[in-house]
């Protein structure tokens, strides 16, 4: 008999392969390049770290995000999901910083993937149906819905990073 976690884990690995493909060889120059004059980006915070923009609304008028922002976004939602599902649920968006280089963010995202796989690996189908771990980004729903959301969010962000890398690679050079 196949368990729900088997399907969800296979789906995660498909999303992960696309993510790893687009993170492979990613440079800090690509991360800091802006595809347009406006759009969510990462900025030095003056204290040696990097903060990410947080638009109060979504809309095409904001402009496309930079790869730095997209990679920060993966680190943001994955760290929040891990902390709120398996930890104290105290982590906030403001606590999540972009580490400043492509190598550092790639390593961070890889560690989140590995930790997520370890945490999921011990869950039963009954635990996927429970709601006690479902505290962020949704509440009071079966935890399996959070696992499915991670898969979708990862695939979406991987596609965005890949598209931005294509734009970077073909940008006009002066």
Protein backbone atom coordinates (compact mmCIF):
# COMPACT_ATOMS: atom_id res chain seq x y z
CA UNK A 1 0.00 0.00 0.00
CA UNK A 2 1.31 3.45 -0.93
CA UNK A 3 1.04 6.11 1.73
CA UNK A 4 0.23 9.78 1.18
CA UNK A 5 3.73 10.75 2.27
CA UNK A 6 5.16 8.67 -0.59
CA UNK A 7 3.27 10.77 -3.16
CA UNK A 8 4.13 14.01 -1.44
CA UNK A 9 7.81 13.12 -1.16
CA UNK A 10 8.05 12.14 -4.83
CA UNK A 11 6.41 15.44 -5.73
CA UNK A 12 8.90 17.28 -3.50
CA UNK A 13 11.82 15.59 -5.23
CA UNK A 14 10.55 16.63 -8.67
CA UNK A 15 10.35 20.24 -7.45
CA UNK A 16 13.75 19.87 -5.82
CA UNK A 17 15.41 18.66 -9.03
CA UNK A 18 14.20 21.79 -10.84
CA UNK A 19 15.33 23.97 -7.94
CA UNK A 20 18.77 22.37 -7.82
CA UNK A 21 19.11 22.77 -11.60
CA UNK A 22 18.44 26.51 -11.38
CA UNK A 23 20.63 27.00 -8.28
CA UNK A 24 23.57 25.15 -9.82
CA UNK A 25 26.19 27.66 -10.88
CA UNK A 26 24.16 30.62 -9.64
CA UNK A 27 26.41 33.64 -9.04
CA UNK A 28 26.14 36.54 -6.66
CA UNK A 29 26.20 38.84 -9.70
CA UNK A 30 23.03 37.14 -10.97
CA UNK A 31 21.41 37.43 -7.55
CA UNK A 32 22.07 41.16 -7.33
CA UNK A 33 21.11 41.96 -10.92
CA UNK A 34 17.73 43.65 -11.27
CA UNK A 35 15.65 42.64 -14.29
CA UNK A 36 13.81 45.99 -14.15
CA UNK A 37 14.18 49.34 -12.41
CA UNK A 38 11.58 48.31 -9.84
CA UNK A 39 10.67 45.06 -8.15
CA UNK A 40 11.39 43.27 -4.86
CA UNK A 41 15.12 43.05 -4.15
CA UNK A 42 17.66 42.52 -1.35
CA UNK A 43 19.65 45.41 0.13
CA UNK A 44 22.60 45.74 2.53
CA UNK A 45 21.19 46.62 5.95
CA UNK A 46 24.18 48.70 7.04
CA UNK A 47 25.22 46.18 9.67
CA UNK A 48 26.87 43.60 7.45
CA UNK A 49 23.65 41.76 6.63
CA UNK A 50 21.04 41.94 3.93
CA UNK A 51 17.33 42.67 4.22
CA UNK A 52 14.65 41.90 1.69
CA UNK A 53 11.90 44.15 0.43
CA UNK A 54 8.41 43.19 1.55
CA UNK A 55 5.71 44.68 -0.64
CA UNK A 56 2.46 45.23 1.24
CA UNK A 57 0.54 44.14 -1.85
CA UNK A 58 1.05 41.96 -4.87
CA UNK A 59 0.73 43.20 -8.41
CA UNK A 60 2.40 43.36 -11.75
CA UNK A 61 2.97 47.08 -11.29
CA UNK A 62 5.59 46.34 -8.60
CA UNK A 63 7.97 44.90 -11.17
CA UNK A 64 9.76 41.55 -11.29
CA UNK A 65 11.76 40.36 -8.29
CA UNK A 66 15.51 39.90 -8.45
CA UNK A 67 17.04 36.45 -8.10
CA UNK A 68 18.41 37.60 -4.74
CA UNK A 69 14.87 38.31 -3.58
CA UNK A 70 13.55 35.04 -5.01
CA UNK A 71 16.22 33.02 -3.21
CA UNK A 72 15.56 34.99 0.00
CA UNK A 73 11.87 34.17 -0.43
CA UNK A 74 12.62 30.42 -0.56
CA UNK A 75 14.73 30.77 2.61
CA UNK A 76 11.96 32.82 4.22
CA UNK A 77 9.04 30.49 3.66
CA UNK A 78 11.03 27.29 4.23
CA UNK A 79 12.57 28.51 7.48
CA UNK A 80 9.17 29.76 8.64
CA UNK A 81 7.49 26.47 7.73
CA UNK A 82 10.15 24.40 9.51
CA UNK A 83 10.14 26.59 12.62
CA UNK A 84 6.37 26.84 12.86
CA UNK A 85 5.77 23.16 12.09
CA UNK A 86 8.54 21.57 14.14
CA UNK A 87 9.85 24.32 16.43
CA UNK A 88 8.71 27.07 18.75
CA UNK A 89 6.84 29.07 16.06
CA UNK A 90 8.62 32.28 17.10
CA UNK A 91 10.49 33.03 13.87
CA UNK A 92 9.23 36.10 12.00
CA UNK A 93 9.80 37.44 8.50
CA UNK A 94 12.05 40.17 9.90
CA UNK A 95 14.34 37.50 11.38
CA UNK A 96 15.10 36.01 7.95
CA UNK A 97 18.00 37.72 6.16
CA UNK A 98 19.58 37.11 2.80
CA UNK A 99 23.12 35.84 3.52
CA UNK A 100 24.87 38.02 0.92
CA UNK A 101 26.23 35.53 -1.63
CA UNK A 102 24.92 32.96 -4.05
CA UNK A 103 27.00 30.23 -2.41
CA UNK A 104 25.62 31.04 1.02
CA UNK A 105 21.96 31.13 -0.05
CA UNK A 106 22.37 27.94 -2.10
CA UNK A 107 23.82 26.19 0.95
CA UNK A 108 21.03 27.51 3.14
CA UNK A 109 18.31 26.31 0.77
CA UNK A 110 19.99 22.90 0.47
CA UNK A 111 20.06 22.60 4.26
CA UNK A 112 16.35 23.49 4.46
CA UNK A 113 15.58 20.80 1.89
CA UNK A 114 17.61 18.20 3.78
CA UNK A 115 16.03 19.14 7.12
CA UNK A 116 12.53 19.11 5.62
CA UNK A 117 13.15 15.62 4.18
CA UNK A 118 14.38 14.38 7.57
CA UNK A 119 11.35 15.81 9.36
CA UNK A 120 8.92 14.38 6.81
CA UNK A 121 10.64 11.00 6.80
CA UNK A 122 9.34 10.10 10.25
CA UNK A 123 5.73 11.19 9.77
CA UNK A 124 2.87 8.74 9.42
CA UNK A 125 -0.26 9.21 7.34
CA UNK A 126 -2.13 9.78 10.60
CA UNK A 127 0.23 12.66 11.43
CA UNK A 128 -0.34 14.16 7.98
CA UNK A 129 -4.07 14.26 8.81
CA UNK A 130 -3.52 16.01 12.15
CA UNK A 131 -3.68 19.81 12.48
CA UNK A 132 -1.37 20.47 15.44
CA UNK A 133 1.70 21.19 13.23
CA UNK A 134 -0.27 23.43 10.86
CA UNK A 135 0.58 26.87 12.22
CA UNK A 136 2.08 28.62 9.18
CA UNK A 137 1.32 29.56 6.38
CA UNK A 138 -2.09 28.02 6.94
CA UNK A 139 -3.77 27.04 10.17
CA UNK A 140 -6.16 24.38 11.37
CA UNK A 141 -5.88 22.20 8.27
CA UNK A 142 -4.29 18.76 7.93
CA UNK A 143 -0.50 18.97 7.95
CA UNK A 144 -0.43 17.18 4.60
CA UNK A 145 -1.77 20.41 3.09
CA UNK A 146 1.33 22.25 4.35
CA UNK A 147 3.54 19.56 2.80
CA UNK A 148 1.69 19.93 -0.51
CA UNK A 149 1.97 23.74 -0.27
CA UNK A 150 5.77 23.49 0.18
CA UNK A 151 5.96 21.41 -3.00
CA UNK A 152 3.94 23.93 -4.99
CA UNK A 153 5.79 26.93 -3.57
CA UNK A 154 9.17 25.34 -4.28
CA UNK A 155 8.23 24.55 -7.88
CA UNK A 156 6.90 28.08 -8.38
CA UNK A 157 10.03 29.71 -6.97
CA UNK A 158 12.31 27.40 -8.96
CA UNK A 159 10.52 28.40 -12.17
CA UNK A 160 10.84 32.10 -11.27
CA UNK A 161 14.56 31.75 -10.52
CA UNK A 162 15.09 29.89 -13.78
CA UNK A 163 13.22 32.50 -15.80
CA UNK A 164 15.22 35.30 -14.21
CA UNK A 165 18.45 33.44 -14.98
CA UNK A 166 17.41 33.20 -18.63
CA UNK A 167 16.81 36.95 -18.65
CA UNK A 168 20.19 37.59 -17.05
CA UNK A 169 21.99 35.36 -19.53
CA UNK A 170 20.45 37.17 -22.52
CA UNK A 171 20.46 40.75 -21.15
CA UNK A 172 21.84 43.50 -23.35
CA UNK A 173 25.39 44.35 -22.38
CA UNK A 174 26.78 47.83 -22.76
